[in-house]
């Protein structure tokens, strides 16, 4: 998260935002930014959650899933990393994805395939490293 905050993306976004508001006004800046977002099909977000599991008034919290509302994208995917768990939150426009449960099943299957491929690659790497020693 520190790398993300200190990247040039943050500085660039701030400079462009200030330029739009200063030269064209707040309404024009909001219009341009909204138009930019309207032409984006998908948004991906990856945020680090707490390292330790949380409690609220002494009760364990399984996970928190903050999201956004009112965005013009057909699909928004948030990845939250809680310790050793990864939670995925999807916001779907039903006009573009009428069978959102099928989309979720396909997404789960894709994650399973990626996980299995990564495990196989790690296994092959460890076998190769043990042979070269």
C-alpha atoms as a PDB file:
ATOM      1  CA  UNK A   1       0.000   0.000   0.000  1.00  0.00           C
ATOM      2  CA  UNK A   2       2.917   2.335   0.737  1.00  0.00           C
ATOM      3  CA  UNK A   3       4.290   1.791  -2.792  1.00  0.00           C
ATOM      4  CA  UNK A   4       0.875   2.551  -4.257  1.00  0.00           C
ATOM      5  CA  UNK A   5       0.558   5.780  -2.289  1.00  0.00           C
ATOM      6  CA  UNK A   6       4.049   6.941  -3.234  1.00  0.00           C
ATOM      7  CA  UNK A   7       3.750   6.065  -6.949  1.00  0.00           C
ATOM      8  CA  UNK A   8       3.512   8.624  -9.727  1.00  0.00           C
ATOM      9  CA  UNK A   9      -0.105   7.615 -10.315  1.00  0.00           C
ATOM     10  CA  UNK A  10      -1.198   9.481  -7.204  1.00  0.00           C
ATOM     11  CA  UNK A  11       0.741  12.598  -8.155  1.00  0.00           C
ATOM     12  CA  UNK A  12      -0.499  12.474 -11.765  1.00  0.00           C
ATOM     13  CA  UNK A  13      -4.128  12.076 -10.679  1.00  0.00           C
ATOM     14  CA  UNK A  14      -3.803  15.016  -8.303  1.00  0.00           C
ATOM     15  CA  UNK A  15      -2.176  17.276 -10.912  1.00  0.00           C
ATOM     16  CA  UNK A  16      -4.756  16.435 -13.574  1.00  0.00           C
ATOM     17  CA  UNK A  17      -7.628  16.889 -11.123  1.00  0.00           C
ATOM     18  CA  UNK A  18      -6.350  20.267  -9.955  1.00  0.00           C
ATOM     19  CA  UNK A  19      -5.750  21.366 -13.563  1.00  0.00           C
ATOM     20  CA  UNK A  20      -9.303  20.462 -14.598  1.00  0.00           C
ATOM     21  CA  UNK A  21     -10.915  22.197 -11.637  1.00  0.00           C
ATOM     22  CA  UNK A  22      -8.676  25.280 -11.860  1.00  0.00           C
ATOM     23  CA  UNK A  23      -9.032  25.818 -15.625  1.00  0.00           C
ATOM     24  CA  UNK A  24     -12.530  24.525 -16.325  1.00  0.00           C
ATOM     25  CA  UNK A  25     -14.341  24.679 -12.984  1.00  0.00           C
ATOM     26  CA  UNK A  26     -15.643  21.992 -10.691  1.00  0.00           C
ATOM     27  CA  UNK A  27     -18.635  21.056 -12.873  1.00  0.00           C
ATOM     28  CA  UNK A  28     -16.533  20.654 -16.008  1.00  0.00           C
ATOM     29  CA  UNK A  29     -13.896  18.697 -14.096  1.00  0.00           C
ATOM     30  CA  UNK A  30     -16.557  16.383 -12.660  1.00  0.00           C
ATOM     31  CA  UNK A  31     -18.108  15.972 -16.130  1.00  0.00           C
ATOM     32  CA  UNK A  32     -14.765  15.033 -17.719  1.00  0.00           C
ATOM     33  CA  UNK A  33     -13.901  12.621 -14.900  1.00  0.00           C
ATOM     34  CA  UNK A  34     -17.355  11.004 -15.026  1.00  0.00           C
ATOM     35  CA  UNK A  35     -17.123  10.701 -18.831  1.00  0.00           C
ATOM     36  CA  UNK A  36     -13.745   9.020 -18.452  1.00  0.00           C
ATOM     37  CA  UNK A  37     -15.226   6.527 -16.007  1.00  0.00           C
ATOM     38  CA  UNK A  38     -18.258   5.881 -18.236  1.00  0.00           C
ATOM     39  CA  UNK A  39     -15.952   4.601 -20.980  1.00  0.00           C
ATOM     40  CA  UNK A  40     -14.275   2.130 -18.622  1.00  0.00           C
ATOM     41  CA  UNK A  41     -15.733  -1.366 -18.731  1.00  0.00           C
ATOM     42  CA  UNK A  42     -14.216  -2.914 -15.624  1.00  0.00           C
ATOM     43  CA  UNK A  43     -12.554  -1.651 -12.468  1.00  0.00           C
ATOM     44  CA  UNK A  44     -10.209  -3.804 -10.403  1.00  0.00           C
ATOM     45  CA  UNK A  45      -9.259  -2.892  -6.864  1.00  0.00           C
ATOM     46  CA  UNK A  46      -6.747  -4.575  -4.598  1.00  0.00           C
ATOM     47  CA  UNK A  47      -6.630  -3.409  -1.001  1.00  0.00           C
ATOM     48  CA  UNK A  48      -4.765  -4.788   1.975  1.00  0.00           C
ATOM     49  CA  UNK A  49      -6.922  -5.554   4.948  1.00  0.00           C
ATOM     50  CA  UNK A  50      -5.781  -5.927   8.538  1.00  0.00           C
ATOM     51  CA  UNK A  51      -3.036  -8.464   9.219  1.00  0.00           C
ATOM     52  CA  UNK A  52      -4.817  -9.808  12.285  1.00  0.00           C
ATOM     53  CA  UNK A  53      -8.436 -10.890  12.505  1.00  0.00           C
ATOM     54  CA  UNK A  54     -10.767  -8.226  13.851  1.00  0.00           C
ATOM     55  CA  UNK A  55     -13.320  -8.199  16.645  1.00  0.00           C
ATOM     56  CA  UNK A  56     -16.252  -5.863  17.187  1.00  0.00           C
ATOM     57  CA  UNK A  57     -17.510  -5.606  20.770  1.00  0.00           C
ATOM     58  CA  UNK A  58     -15.839  -8.928  21.522  1.00  0.00           C
ATOM     59  CA  UNK A  59     -17.381 -10.729  18.531  1.00  0.00           C
ATOM     60  CA  UNK A  60     -15.097 -11.955  15.729  1.00  0.00           C
ATOM     61  CA  UNK A  61     -15.588 -10.249  12.366  1.00  0.00           C
ATOM     62  CA  UNK A  62     -15.295 -12.736   9.497  1.00  0.00           C
ATOM     63  CA  UNK A  63     -14.534 -10.002   6.974  1.00  0.00           C
ATOM     64  CA  UNK A  64     -15.587  -6.544   5.867  1.00  0.00           C
ATOM     65  CA  UNK A  65     -16.416  -5.887   2.255  1.00  0.00           C
ATOM     66  CA  UNK A  66     -16.557  -2.189   1.454  1.00  0.00           C
ATOM     67  CA  UNK A  67     -17.502  -1.427  -2.132  1.00  0.00           C
ATOM     68  CA  UNK A  68     -18.736   1.445  -4.269  1.00  0.00           C
ATOM     69  CA  UNK A  69     -22.185   2.325  -5.539  1.00  0.00           C
ATOM     70  CA  UNK A  70     -23.399   4.243  -8.562  1.00  0.00           C
ATOM     71  CA  UNK A  71     -20.393   3.669 -10.775  1.00  0.00           C
ATOM     72  CA  UNK A  72     -21.047   3.431 -14.522  1.00  0.00           C
ATOM     73  CA  UNK A  73     -19.029   0.212 -14.977  1.00  0.00           C
ATOM     74  CA  UNK A  74     -20.700  -3.093 -15.807  1.00  0.00           C
ATOM     75  CA  UNK A  75     -18.368  -4.990 -13.501  1.00  0.00           C
ATOM     76  CA  UNK A  76     -16.358  -3.952 -10.472  1.00  0.00           C
ATOM     77  CA  UNK A  77     -14.091  -6.450  -8.708  1.00  0.00           C
ATOM     78  CA  UNK A  78     -12.507  -5.735  -5.320  1.00  0.00           C
ATOM     79  CA  UNK A  79      -9.803  -8.005  -3.907  1.00  0.00           C
ATOM     80  CA  UNK A  80      -9.314  -7.752  -0.135  1.00  0.00           C
ATOM     81  CA  UNK A  81      -6.364  -9.426   1.551  1.00  0.00           C
ATOM     82  CA  UNK A  82      -7.073 -10.357   5.186  1.00  0.00           C
ATOM     83  CA  UNK A  83      -4.035 -12.052   6.653  1.00  0.00           C
ATOM     84  CA  UNK A  84      -3.793 -15.348   4.782  1.00  0.00           C
ATOM     85  CA  UNK A  85      -7.285 -15.055   3.235  1.00  0.00           C
ATOM     86  CA  UNK A  86      -8.346 -13.283   0.075  1.00  0.00           C
ATOM     87  CA  UNK A  87     -11.920 -12.063  -0.224  1.00  0.00           C
ATOM     88  CA  UNK A  88     -13.395 -11.037  -3.567  1.00  0.00           C
ATOM     89  CA  UNK A  89     -16.340  -8.636  -3.803  1.00  0.00           C
ATOM     90  CA  UNK A  90     -18.050  -8.158  -7.149  1.00  0.00           C
ATOM     91  CA  UNK A  91     -20.509  -5.444  -8.151  1.00  0.00           C
ATOM     92  CA  UNK A  92     -22.388  -6.435 -11.310  1.00  0.00           C
ATOM     93  CA  UNK A  93     -24.720  -4.521 -13.618  1.00  0.00           C
ATOM     94  CA  UNK A  94     -27.576  -6.943 -14.246  1.00  0.00           C
ATOM     95  CA  UNK A  95     -28.303  -5.333 -17.618  1.00  0.00           C
ATOM     96  CA  UNK A  96     -24.911  -6.541 -18.886  1.00  0.00           C
ATOM     97  CA  UNK A  97     -24.738  -9.769 -16.844  1.00  0.00           C
ATOM     98  CA  UNK A  98     -28.297 -11.113 -16.483  1.00  0.00           C
ATOM     99  CA  UNK A  99     -27.061 -14.377 -14.920  1.00  0.00           C
ATOM    100  CA  UNK A 100     -24.718 -13.024 -12.255  1.00  0.00           C
ATOM    101  CA  UNK A 101     -24.650 -16.384 -10.446  1.00  0.00           C
ATOM    102  CA  UNK A 102     -23.151 -18.006 -13.548  1.00  0.00           C
ATOM    103  CA  UNK A 103     -20.558 -15.212 -13.661  1.00  0.00           C
ATOM    104  CA  UNK A 104     -19.685 -15.935 -10.028  1.00  0.00           C
ATOM    105  CA  UNK A 105     -19.400 -19.679 -10.718  1.00  0.00           C
ATOM    106  CA  UNK A 106     -17.144 -19.009 -13.728  1.00  0.00           C
ATOM    107  CA  UNK A 107     -15.042 -16.638 -11.651  1.00  0.00           C
ATOM    108  CA  UNK A 108     -14.668 -19.257  -8.903  1.00  0.00           C
ATOM    109  CA  UNK A 109     -13.643 -21.872 -11.455  1.00  0.00           C
ATOM    110  CA  UNK A 110     -11.060 -19.483 -12.947  1.00  0.00           C
ATOM    111  CA  UNK A 111      -9.565 -18.799  -9.506  1.00  0.00           C
ATOM    112  CA  UNK A 112      -9.378 -22.576  -8.872  1.00  0.00           C
ATOM    113  CA  UNK A 113      -7.573 -23.121 -12.201  1.00  0.00           C
ATOM    114  CA  UNK A 114      -5.105 -20.309 -11.442  1.00  0.00           C
ATOM    115  CA  UNK A 115      -4.472 -21.683  -7.942  1.00  0.00           C
ATOM    116  CA  UNK A 116      -3.841 -25.203  -9.270  1.00  0.00           C
ATOM    117  CA  UNK A 117      -1.512 -23.914 -12.011  1.00  0.00           C
ATOM    118  CA  UNK A 118       0.477 -21.880  -9.466  1.00  0.00           C
ATOM    119  CA  UNK A 119       0.774 -24.893  -7.143  1.00  0.00           C
ATOM    120  CA  UNK A 120       1.955 -27.081 -10.040  1.00  0.00           C
ATOM    121  CA  UNK A 121       4.534 -24.487 -11.087  1.00  0.00           C
ATOM    122  CA  UNK A 122       5.847 -24.240  -7.515  1.00  0.00           C
ATOM    123  CA  UNK A 123       6.088 -28.035  -7.332  1.00  0.00           C
ATOM    124  CA  UNK A 124       8.008 -28.224 -10.628  1.00  0.00           C
ATOM    125  CA  UNK A 125      10.344 -25.439  -9.498  1.00  0.00           C
ATOM    126  CA  UNK A 126      11.085 -27.148  -6.184  1.00  0.00           C
ATOM    127  CA  UNK A 127      11.744 -30.485  -7.950  1.00  0.00           C
ATOM    128  CA  UNK A 128      14.060 -28.761 -10.453  1.00  0.00           C
ATOM    129  CA  UNK A 129      15.923 -26.969  -7.656  1.00  0.00           C
ATOM    130  CA  UNK A 130      16.377 -30.195  -5.684  1.00  0.00           C
ATOM    131  CA  UNK A 131      17.800 -31.972  -8.770  1.00  0.00           C
ATOM    132  CA  UNK A 132      20.362 -29.220  -9.419  1.00  0.00           C
ATOM    133  CA  UNK A 133      21.689 -29.332  -5.858  1.00  0.00           C
END
